[in-house]
Amino acid sequence: MVENRPGAGGAIAAEMVKRAAPDGYTLFIAALPVMAVVPAMQKVRYDSQNDFAPISNIGTNPFALVVNKDIPVKTLKEFVEYVRSSKGQLVYGSAGVGSLNHLSMALFLKRAGIEMTHVPYKGNAPAMSDMVAGHVPAMFSNLSDALTQVAGGNVRMLAISSEKRSPLTADVPTVAESGYPNFNVLTWNGLMAPARTPPEIIDRIAKEMAAAVKDPKFAAQLLNYGVDPLGDTPAEYAATLAKDIPLWAEAVQIAGVQQQ
């Protein structure tokens, strides 16, 4: 049974699972923002690493750096040079203040040593629409929206934010291989249980999840949504969480998002 607990960027659902009995019957589909971004932006009543037991990371989503088709750049290097020559006069769009594509761009701009002005929208789709129309020149978009516009010839994809190329865009280089080593920005959705859930229960569910992710039909459905199937182990998922928490806290600080 699925019980939706919306609100506070997922924090309400997280708090509910935190308080649940650690018996394996109450699990949490945890998205990266609620575990690594929301706690950096607002006060929450849970600890992302101590109040939950990671089971398996189901799949990851890279972001795509895209530009309007009329922007005279074809590579990430050319984009950086183009932005630098504008002396801070260019803008970029995002799905909103504190959204993952806002924070991804802020992090990249800092590492590239260039400046752009952030223009937040109410969602990825309206930001993309304005970029297609030429009102904003660039943005980090979720991959599924970007692929649709690339196919229509409306935007140009310069780089992917993941460490490895996406199978959906094998000809598009990563940011890391384009001159910015260690740039690896992903969002993900994983399965977690309350802390103190017995290890044998965690391992059993993790094995079932890994098997499900390997099912061709399920994997194909994930790919259709721009998700790279993963299904990793509890230890691997815990390591990802430990790495991502300081990364996104840094991005929130760079973006200047004030904690609420």
C-alpha atoms as a PDB file:
ATOM      1  CA  MET A   1       0.000   0.000   0.000  1.00  0.00           C
ATOM      2  CA  VAL A   2       1.272   3.462  -0.925  1.00  0.00           C
ATOM      3  CA  GLU A   3       0.575   6.293   1.511  1.00  0.00           C
ATOM      4  CA  ASN A   4       1.304   9.752   0.167  1.00  0.00           C
ATOM      5  CA  ARG A   5       2.442  12.291   2.767  1.00  0.00           C
ATOM      6  CA  PRO A   6       3.101  15.486   0.771  1.00  0.00           C
ATOM      7  CA  GLY A   7       4.416  18.737   2.173  1.00  0.00           C
ATOM      8  CA  ALA A   8       7.609  20.493   3.257  1.00  0.00           C
ATOM      9  CA  GLY A   9       9.568  19.111   0.334  1.00  0.00           C
ATOM     10  CA  GLY A  10       9.087  15.527   1.530  1.00  0.00           C
ATOM     11  CA  ALA A  11      10.035  16.242   5.138  1.00  0.00           C
ATOM     12  CA  ILE A  12       6.603  15.242   6.462  1.00  0.00           C
ATOM     13  CA  ALA A  13       6.883  11.791   4.883  1.00  0.00           C
ATOM     14  CA  ALA A  14      10.427  11.417   6.170  1.00  0.00           C
ATOM     15  CA  GLU A  15       9.347  12.260   9.723  1.00  0.00           C
ATOM     16  CA  MET A  16       6.553   9.695   9.534  1.00  0.00           C
ATOM     17  CA  VAL A  17       8.912   6.917   8.449  1.00  0.00           C
ATOM     18  CA  LYS A  18      11.444   7.939  11.100  1.00  0.00           C
ATOM     19  CA  ARG A  19       8.807   7.288  13.784  1.00  0.00           C
ATOM     20  CA  ALA A  20       7.566   4.009  12.285  1.00  0.00           C
ATOM     21  CA  ALA A  21       8.315   0.615  13.807  1.00  0.00           C
ATOM     22  CA  PRO A  22      11.577  -0.809  12.417  1.00  0.00           C
ATOM     23  CA  ASP A  23       9.966  -4.049  11.265  1.00  0.00           C
ATOM     24  CA  GLY A  24      10.294  -3.763   7.477  1.00  0.00           C
ATOM     25  CA  TYR A  25       6.612  -3.003   6.901  1.00  0.00           C
ATOM     26  CA  THR A  26       6.985   0.770   6.592  1.00  0.00           C
ATOM     27  CA  LEU A  27       9.423   1.904   3.916  1.00  0.00           C
ATOM     28  CA  PHE A  28      10.292   5.263   2.394  1.00  0.00           C
ATOM     29  CA  ILE A  29      10.775   6.119  -1.281  1.00  0.00           C
ATOM     30  CA  ALA A  30      13.373   8.786  -0.657  1.00  0.00           C
ATOM     31  CA  ALA A  31      14.343  11.329  -3.305  1.00  0.00           C
ATOM     32  CA  LEU A  32      17.692  13.064  -3.037  1.00  0.00           C
ATOM     33  CA  PRO A  33      16.239  16.514  -2.209  1.00  0.00           C
ATOM     34  CA  VAL A  34      14.512  15.393   0.989  1.00  0.00           C
ATOM     35  CA  MET A  35      17.677  13.676   2.208  1.00  0.00           C
ATOM     36  CA  ALA A  36      20.383  16.155   1.166  1.00  0.00           C
ATOM     37  CA  VAL A  37      18.870  19.479   0.066  1.00  0.00           C
ATOM     38  CA  VAL A  38      15.858  20.153   2.293  1.00  0.00           C
ATOM     39  CA  PRO A  39      17.895  19.732   5.526  1.00  0.00           C
ATOM     40  CA  ALA A  40      20.395  22.292   4.185  1.00  0.00           C
ATOM     41  CA  MET A  41      17.611  24.795   3.436  1.00  0.00           C
ATOM     42  CA  GLN A  42      15.274  24.452   6.388  1.00  0.00           C
ATOM     43  CA  LYS A  43      15.102  22.985   9.866  1.00  0.00           C
ATOM     44  CA  VAL A  44      13.853  19.405   9.838  1.00  0.00           C
ATOM     45  CA  ARG A  45      13.059  16.913  12.588  1.00  0.00           C
ATOM     46  CA  TYR A  46      15.094  14.043  11.198  1.00  0.00           C
ATOM     47  CA  ASP A  47      18.711  13.138  10.588  1.00  0.00           C
ATOM     48  CA  SER A  48      19.220  11.821   7.070  1.00  0.00           C
ATOM     49  CA  GLN A  49      22.015   9.437   8.044  1.00  0.00           C
ATOM     50  CA  ASN A  50      21.048   8.369  11.570  1.00  0.00           C
ATOM     51  CA  ASP A  51      17.253   8.060  11.384  1.00  0.00           C
ATOM     52  CA  PHE A  52      17.069   5.818   8.308  1.00  0.00           C
ATOM     53  CA  ALA A  53      18.549   2.567   7.055  1.00  0.00           C
ATOM     54  CA  PRO A  54      19.413   2.706   3.330  1.00  0.00           C
ATOM     55  CA  ILE A  55      18.160  -0.330   1.394  1.00  0.00           C
ATOM     56  CA  SER A  56      18.788   0.283  -2.299  1.00  0.00           C
ATOM     57  CA  ASN A  57      19.134   3.208  -4.684  1.00  0.00           C
ATOM     58  CA  ILE A  58      16.602   2.376  -7.400  1.00  0.00           C
ATOM     59  CA  GLY A  59      17.817   4.731 -10.110  1.00  0.00           C
ATOM     60  CA  THR A  60      19.648   7.956 -10.854  1.00  0.00           C
ATOM     61  CA  ASN A  61      18.861  10.951 -13.045  1.00  0.00           C
ATOM     62  CA  PRO A  62      21.559  13.163 -14.565  1.00  0.00           C
ATOM     63  CA  PHE A  63      20.945  16.734 -15.619  1.00  0.00           C
ATOM     64  CA  ALA A  64      21.742  18.129 -19.036  1.00  0.00           C
ATOM     65  CA  LEU A  65      23.324  21.514 -19.665  1.00  0.00           C
ATOM     66  CA  VAL A  66      21.362  22.879 -22.609  1.00  0.00           C
ATOM     67  CA  VAL A  67      21.421  26.155 -24.517  1.00  0.00           C
ATOM     68  CA  ASN A  68      19.058  27.854 -26.931  1.00  0.00           C
ATOM     69  CA  LYS A  69      19.743  26.773 -30.511  1.00  0.00           C
ATOM     70  CA  ASP A  70      20.802  30.296 -31.478  1.00  0.00           C
ATOM     71  CA  ILE A  71      23.529  30.577 -28.838  1.00  0.00           C
ATOM     72  CA  PRO A  72      26.847  30.341 -30.746  1.00  0.00           C
ATOM     73  CA  VAL A  73      28.403  27.501 -28.725  1.00  0.00           C
ATOM     74  CA  LYS A  74      28.664  23.781 -29.366  1.00  0.00           C
ATOM     75  CA  THR A  75      30.861  22.587 -26.494  1.00  0.00           C
ATOM     76  CA  LEU A  76      31.128  23.189 -22.783  1.00  0.00           C
ATOM     77  CA  LYS A  77      34.466  24.926 -23.279  1.00  0.00           C
ATOM     78  CA  GLU A  78      32.887  27.336 -25.761  1.00  0.00           C
ATOM     79  CA  PHE A  79      29.991  27.925 -23.365  1.00  0.00           C
ATOM     80  CA  VAL A  80      32.350  28.884 -20.537  1.00  0.00           C
ATOM     81  CA  GLU A  81      34.245  31.256 -22.827  1.00  0.00           C
ATOM     82  CA  TYR A  82      30.960  32.750 -24.058  1.00  0.00           C
ATOM     83  CA  VAL A  83      29.718  33.357 -20.509  1.00  0.00           C
ATOM     84  CA  ARG A  84      33.054  34.770 -19.394  1.00  0.00           C
ATOM     85  CA  SER A  85      33.086  37.232 -22.294  1.00  0.00           C
ATOM     86  CA  SER A  86      29.618  38.485 -21.312  1.00  0.00           C
ATOM     87  CA  LYS A  87      31.049  39.743 -17.984  1.00  0.00           C
ATOM     88  CA  GLY A  88      28.091  38.560 -15.898  1.00  0.00           C
ATOM     89  CA  GLN A  89      25.351  39.863 -18.187  1.00  0.00           C
ATOM     90  CA  LEU A  90      23.832  36.470 -19.077  1.00  0.00           C
ATOM     91  CA  VAL A  91      21.061  34.710 -17.164  1.00  0.00           C
ATOM     92  CA  TYR A  92      20.073  31.088 -16.661  1.00  0.00           C
ATOM     93  CA  GLY A  93      16.736  29.504 -15.856  1.00  0.00           C
ATOM     94  CA  SER A  94      15.739  26.904 -13.284  1.00  0.00           C
ATOM     95  CA  ALA A  95      12.709  25.174 -11.813  1.00  0.00           C
ATOM     96  CA  GLY A  96      12.837  27.519  -8.814  1.00  0.00           C
ATOM     97  CA  VAL A  97      14.997  28.748  -5.966  1.00  0.00           C
ATOM     98  CA  GLY A  98      16.693  25.772  -4.351  1.00  0.00           C
ATOM     99  CA  SER A  99      15.678  23.373  -7.108  1.00  0.00           C
ATOM    100  CA  LEU A 100      18.260  20.822  -8.158  1.00  0.00           C
ATOM    101  CA  ASN A 101      18.885  22.453 -11.526  1.00  0.00           C
ATOM    102  CA  HIS A 102      19.358  25.832  -9.794  1.00  0.00           C
ATOM    103  CA  LEU A 103      21.883  24.323  -7.399  1.00  0.00           C
ATOM    104  CA  SER A 104      23.596  22.308 -10.142  1.00  0.00           C
ATOM    105  CA  MET A 105      24.198  25.425 -12.213  1.00  0.00           C
ATOM    106  CA  ALA A 106      25.370  27.420  -9.190  1.00  0.00           C
ATOM    107  CA  LEU A 107      27.861  24.675  -8.377  1.00  0.00           C
ATOM    108  CA  PHE A 108      29.122  24.490 -11.952  1.00  0.00           C
ATOM    109  CA  LEU A 109      29.485  28.262 -12.331  1.00  0.00           C
ATOM    110  CA  LYS A 110      31.530  28.377  -9.130  1.00  0.00           C
ATOM    111  CA  ARG A 111      33.855  25.628 -10.311  1.00  0.00           C
ATOM    112  CA  ALA A 112      34.201  27.200 -13.753  1.00  0.00           C
ATOM    113  CA  GLY A 113      34.890  30.625 -12.257  1.00  0.00           C
ATOM    114  CA  ILE A 114      32.160  32.384 -14.218  1.00  0.00           C
ATOM    115  CA  GLU A 115      29.009  34.324 -13.313  1.00  0.00           C
ATOM    116  CA  MET A 116      25.407  34.294 -14.537  1.00  0.00           C
ATOM    117  CA  THR A 117      22.209  35.670 -13.012  1.00  0.00           C
ATOM    118  CA  HIS A 118      19.616  33.184 -11.827  1.00  0.00           C
ATOM    119  CA  VAL A 119      16.034  33.478 -13.122  1.00  0.00           C
ATOM    120  CA  PRO A 120      13.749  31.081 -11.211  1.00  0.00           C
ATOM    121  CA  TYR A 121      10.547  29.651 -12.706  1.00  0.00           C
ATOM    122  CA  LYS A 122       7.734  27.590 -11.230  1.00  0.00           C
ATOM    123  CA  GLY A 123       8.947  24.281 -12.601  1.00  0.00           C
ATOM    124  CA  ASN A 124      11.315  22.877 -15.208  1.00  0.00           C
ATOM    125  CA  ALA A 125       8.773  23.034 -18.051  1.00  0.00           C
ATOM    126  CA  PRO A 126       8.161  26.818 -18.007  1.00  0.00           C
ATOM    127  CA  ALA A 127      11.899  27.446 -17.685  1.00  0.00           C
ATOM    128  CA  MET A 128      12.520  25.229 -20.686  1.00  0.00           C
ATOM    129  CA  SER A 129       9.742  26.957 -22.644  1.00  0.00           C
ATOM    130  CA  ASP A 130      11.334  30.351 -22.076  1.00  0.00           C
ATOM    131  CA  MET A 131      14.714  29.011 -23.094  1.00  0.00           C
ATOM    132  CA  VAL A 132      13.274  27.598 -26.307  1.00  0.00           C
ATOM    133  CA  ALA A 133      11.717  31.017 -26.931  1.00  0.00           C
ATOM    134  CA  GLY A 134      15.103  32.682 -26.424  1.00  0.00           C
ATOM    135  CA  HIS A 135      14.291  34.543 -23.216  1.00  0.00           C
ATOM    136  CA  VAL A 136      16.999  32.708 -21.275  1.00  0.00           C
ATOM    137  CA  PRO A 137      20.074  31.280 -22.991  1.00  0.00           C
ATOM    138  CA  ALA A 138      20.863  28.257 -20.829  1.00  0.00           C
ATOM    139  CA  MET A 139      19.878  25.962 -17.985  1.00  0.00           C
ATOM    140  CA  PHE A 140      20.556  22.611 -16.398  1.00  0.00           C
ATOM    141  CA  SER A 141      17.430  20.623 -17.255  1.00  0.00           C
ATOM    142  CA  ASN A 142      16.194  17.236 -16.228  1.00  0.00           C
ATOM    143  CA  LEU A 143      17.186  14.831 -18.971  1.00  0.00           C
ATOM    144  CA  SER A 144      13.711  13.796 -20.147  1.00  0.00           C
ATOM    145  CA  ASP A 145      12.617  17.385 -20.870  1.00  0.00           C
ATOM    146  CA  ALA A 146      15.931  18.152 -22.552  1.00  0.00           C
ATOM    147  CA  LEU A 147      15.756  15.124 -24.846  1.00  0.00           C
ATOM    148  CA  THR A 148      12.348  16.184 -26.135  1.00  0.00           C
ATOM    149  CA  GLN A 149      13.573  19.658 -27.063  1.00  0.00           C
ATOM    150  CA  VAL A 150      16.831  18.380 -28.549  1.00  0.00           C
ATOM    151  CA  ALA A 151      14.843  16.034 -30.775  1.00  0.00           C
ATOM    152  CA  GLY A 152      12.774  18.998 -31.933  1.00  0.00           C
ATOM    153  CA  GLY A 153      15.888  21.009 -32.778  1.00  0.00           C
ATOM    154  CA  ASN A 154      15.003  23.713 -30.265  1.00  0.00           C
ATOM    155  CA  VAL A 155      17.992  23.416 -27.923  1.00  0.00           C
ATOM    156  CA  ARG A 156      21.558  22.124 -27.993  1.00  0.00           C
ATOM    157  CA  MET A 157      22.832  19.740 -25.332  1.00  0.00           C
ATOM    158  CA  LEU A 158      26.410  20.499 -24.293  1.00  0.00           C
ATOM    159  CA  ALA A 159      27.104  18.139 -21.400  1.00  0.00           C
ATOM    160  CA  ILE A 160      25.664  15.671 -18.915  1.00  0.00           C
ATOM    161  CA  SER A 161      26.123  16.173 -15.174  1.00  0.00           C
ATOM    162  CA  SER A 162      26.777  12.530 -14.288  1.00  0.00           C
ATOM    163  CA  GLU A 163      30.185  10.914 -13.908  1.00  0.00           C
ATOM    164  CA  LYS A 164      29.488   8.583 -16.845  1.00  0.00           C
ATOM    165  CA  ARG A 165      27.656   9.263 -20.086  1.00  0.00           C
ATOM    166  CA  SER A 166      23.980   8.434 -20.148  1.00  0.00           C
ATOM    167  CA  PRO A 167      22.915   5.549 -22.398  1.00  0.00           C
ATOM    168  CA  LEU A 168      20.179   7.849 -23.668  1.00  0.00           C
ATOM    169  CA  THR A 169      22.745  10.409 -24.875  1.00  0.00           C
ATOM    170  CA  ALA A 170      25.879   8.390 -25.488  1.00  0.00           C
ATOM    171  CA  ASP A 171      27.289  11.002 -27.880  1.00  0.00           C
ATOM    172  CA  VAL A 172      27.062  13.834 -25.324  1.00  0.00           C
ATOM    173  CA  PRO A 173      30.133  14.208 -23.070  1.00  0.00           C
ATOM    174  CA  THR A 174      29.981  14.639 -19.325  1.00  0.00           C
ATOM    175  CA  VAL A 175      30.926  17.846 -17.544  1.00  0.00           C
ATOM    176  CA  ALA A 176      33.755  15.910 -15.892  1.00  0.00           C
ATOM    177  CA  GLU A 177      35.342  14.789 -19.148  1.00  0.00           C
ATOM    178  CA  SER A 178      34.873  18.280 -20.604  1.00  0.00           C
ATOM    179  CA  GLY A 179      37.412  19.797 -18.245  1.00  0.00           C
ATOM    180  CA  TYR A 180      35.853  19.685 -14.769  1.00  0.00           C
ATOM    181  CA  PRO A 181      37.015  16.463 -13.078  1.00  0.00           C
ATOM    182  CA  ASN A 182      34.955  15.162 -10.152  1.00  0.00           C
ATOM    183  CA  PHE A 183      31.860  17.091 -11.219  1.00  0.00           C
ATOM    184  CA  ASN A 184      29.213  14.431 -10.644  1.00  0.00           C
ATOM    185  CA  VAL A 185      25.746  15.786  -9.946  1.00  0.00           C
ATOM    186  CA  LEU A 186      22.808  13.394  -9.918  1.00  0.00           C
ATOM    187  CA  THR A 187      19.407  13.111  -8.409  1.00  0.00           C
ATOM    188  CA  TRP A 188      18.119   9.738  -7.311  1.00  0.00           C
ATOM    189  CA  ASN A 189      15.220   7.838  -5.794  1.00  0.00           C
ATOM    190  CA  GLY A 190      15.919   5.077  -3.326  1.00  0.00           C
ATOM    191  CA  LEU A 191      14.278   2.846  -0.771  1.00  0.00           C
ATOM    192  CA  MET A 192      14.874   3.382   2.954  1.00  0.00           C
ATOM    193  CA  ALA A 193      13.599   1.926   6.202  1.00  0.00           C
ATOM    194  CA  PRO A 194      13.510   3.319   9.736  1.00  0.00           C
ATOM    195  CA  ALA A 195      16.799   3.095  11.606  1.00  0.00           C
ATOM    196  CA  ARG A 196      17.283  -0.082  13.643  1.00  0.00           C
ATOM    197  CA  THR A 197      15.449  -2.216  11.110  1.00  0.00           C
ATOM    198  CA  PRO A 198      17.147  -5.644  11.386  1.00  0.00           C
ATOM    199  CA  PRO A 199      19.958  -6.148   8.827  1.00  0.00           C
ATOM    200  CA  GLU A 200      18.452  -9.411   7.587  1.00  0.00           C
ATOM    201  CA  ILE A 201      15.275  -7.555   6.609  1.00  0.00           C
ATOM    202  CA  ILE A 202      17.257  -4.780   4.919  1.00  0.00           C
ATOM    203  CA  ASP A 203      19.324  -7.287   2.936  1.00  0.00           C
ATOM    204  CA  ARG A 204      16.300  -9.311   1.847  1.00  0.00           C
ATOM    205  CA  ILE A 205      14.461  -6.258   0.530  1.00  0.00           C
ATOM    206  CA  ALA A 206      17.638  -4.983  -1.144  1.00  0.00           C
ATOM    207  CA  LYS A 207      18.068  -8.240  -3.038  1.00  0.00           C
ATOM    208  CA  GLU A 208      14.460  -8.138  -4.202  1.00  0.00           C
ATOM    209  CA  MET A 209      14.884  -4.542  -5.355  1.00  0.00           C
ATOM    210  CA  ALA A 210      18.108  -5.349  -7.230  1.00  0.00           C
ATOM    211  CA  ALA A 211      16.332  -8.198  -9.008  1.00  0.00           C
ATOM    212  CA  ALA A 212      13.401  -5.950  -9.931  1.00  0.00           C
ATOM    213  CA  VAL A 213      15.684  -3.272 -11.390  1.00  0.00           C
ATOM    214  CA  LYS A 214      17.312  -5.913 -13.596  1.00  0.00           C
ATOM    215  CA  ASP A 215      13.953  -6.925 -15.044  1.00  0.00           C
ATOM    216  CA  PRO A 216      14.061  -5.758 -18.702  1.00  0.00           C
ATOM    217  CA  LYS A 217      10.534  -4.333 -18.693  1.00  0.00           C
ATOM    218  CA  PHE A 218      11.032  -2.397 -15.465  1.00  0.00           C
ATOM    219  CA  ALA A 219      14.445  -1.143 -16.556  1.00  0.00           C
ATOM    220  CA  ALA A 220      13.037  -0.031 -19.907  1.00  0.00           C
ATOM    221  CA  GLN A 221      10.283   1.904 -18.139  1.00  0.00           C
ATOM    222  CA  LEU A 222      12.846   3.684 -15.963  1.00  0.00           C
ATOM    223  CA  LEU A 223      14.888   4.605 -19.043  1.00  0.00           C
ATOM    224  CA  ASN A 224      11.761   6.032 -20.664  1.00  0.00           C
ATOM    225  CA  TYR A 225      11.617   8.514 -17.790  1.00  0.00           C
ATOM    226  CA  GLY A 226      15.295   9.404 -18.157  1.00  0.00           C
ATOM    227  CA  VAL A 227      16.285   7.280 -15.161  1.00  0.00           C
ATOM    228  CA  ASP A 228      19.400   5.098 -15.199  1.00  0.00           C
ATOM    229  CA  PRO A 229      18.486   1.862 -13.354  1.00  0.00           C
ATOM    230  CA  LEU A 230      20.795   1.073 -10.434  1.00  0.00           C
ATOM    231  CA  GLY A 231      19.561  -1.218  -7.636  1.00  0.00           C
ATOM    232  CA  ASP A 232      22.731  -1.055  -5.534  1.00  0.00           C
ATOM    233  CA  THR A 233      23.490  -2.525  -2.098  1.00  0.00           C
ATOM    234  CA  PRO A 234      22.684  -0.965   1.296  1.00  0.00           C
ATOM    235  CA  ALA A 235      26.364  -0.163   1.841  1.00  0.00           C
ATOM    236  CA  GLU A 236      26.704   1.469  -1.576  1.00  0.00           C
ATOM    237  CA  TYR A 237      23.554   3.502  -1.060  1.00  0.00           C
ATOM    238  CA  ALA A 238      24.793   4.657   2.360  1.00  0.00           C
ATOM    239  CA  ALA A 239      28.084   5.750   0.776  1.00  0.00           C
ATOM    240  CA  THR A 240      26.221   7.747  -1.871  1.00  0.00           C
ATOM    241  CA  LEU A 241      24.185   9.517   0.792  1.00  0.00           C
ATOM    242  CA  ALA A 242      27.300  10.318   2.828  1.00  0.00           C
ATOM    243  CA  LYS A 243      28.919  11.867  -0.251  1.00  0.00           C
ATOM    244  CA  ASP A 244      25.866  13.797  -1.417  1.00  0.00           C
ATOM    245  CA  ILE A 245      24.947  15.520   1.849  1.00  0.00           C
ATOM    246  CA  PRO A 246      28.049  17.785   1.956  1.00  0.00           C
ATOM    247  CA  LEU A 247      27.976  18.268  -1.832  1.00  0.00           C
ATOM    248  CA  TRP A 248      24.457  19.698  -1.856  1.00  0.00           C
ATOM    249  CA  ALA A 249      25.034  21.672   1.339  1.00  0.00           C
ATOM    250  CA  GLU A 250      27.920  23.334  -0.498  1.00  0.00           C
ATOM    251  CA  ALA A 251      25.683  24.011  -3.496  1.00  0.00           C
ATOM    252  CA  VAL A 252      23.010  25.603  -1.278  1.00  0.00           C
ATOM    253  CA  GLN A 253      25.655  27.866   0.252  1.00  0.00           C
ATOM    254  CA  ILE A 254      27.098  28.831  -3.139  1.00  0.00           C
ATOM    255  CA  ALA A 255      23.611  29.626  -4.458  1.00  0.00           C
ATOM    256  CA  GLY A 256      22.973  31.877  -1.469  1.00  0.00           C
ATOM    257  CA  VAL A 257      19.756  30.136  -0.461  1.00  0.00           C
ATOM    258  CA  GLN A 258      18.847  31.218   3.064  1.00  0.00           C
ATOM    259  CA  GLN A 259      17.840  28.574   5.573  1.00  0.00           C
ATOM    260  CA  GLN A 260      14.227  28.935   6.636  1.00  0.00           C
END
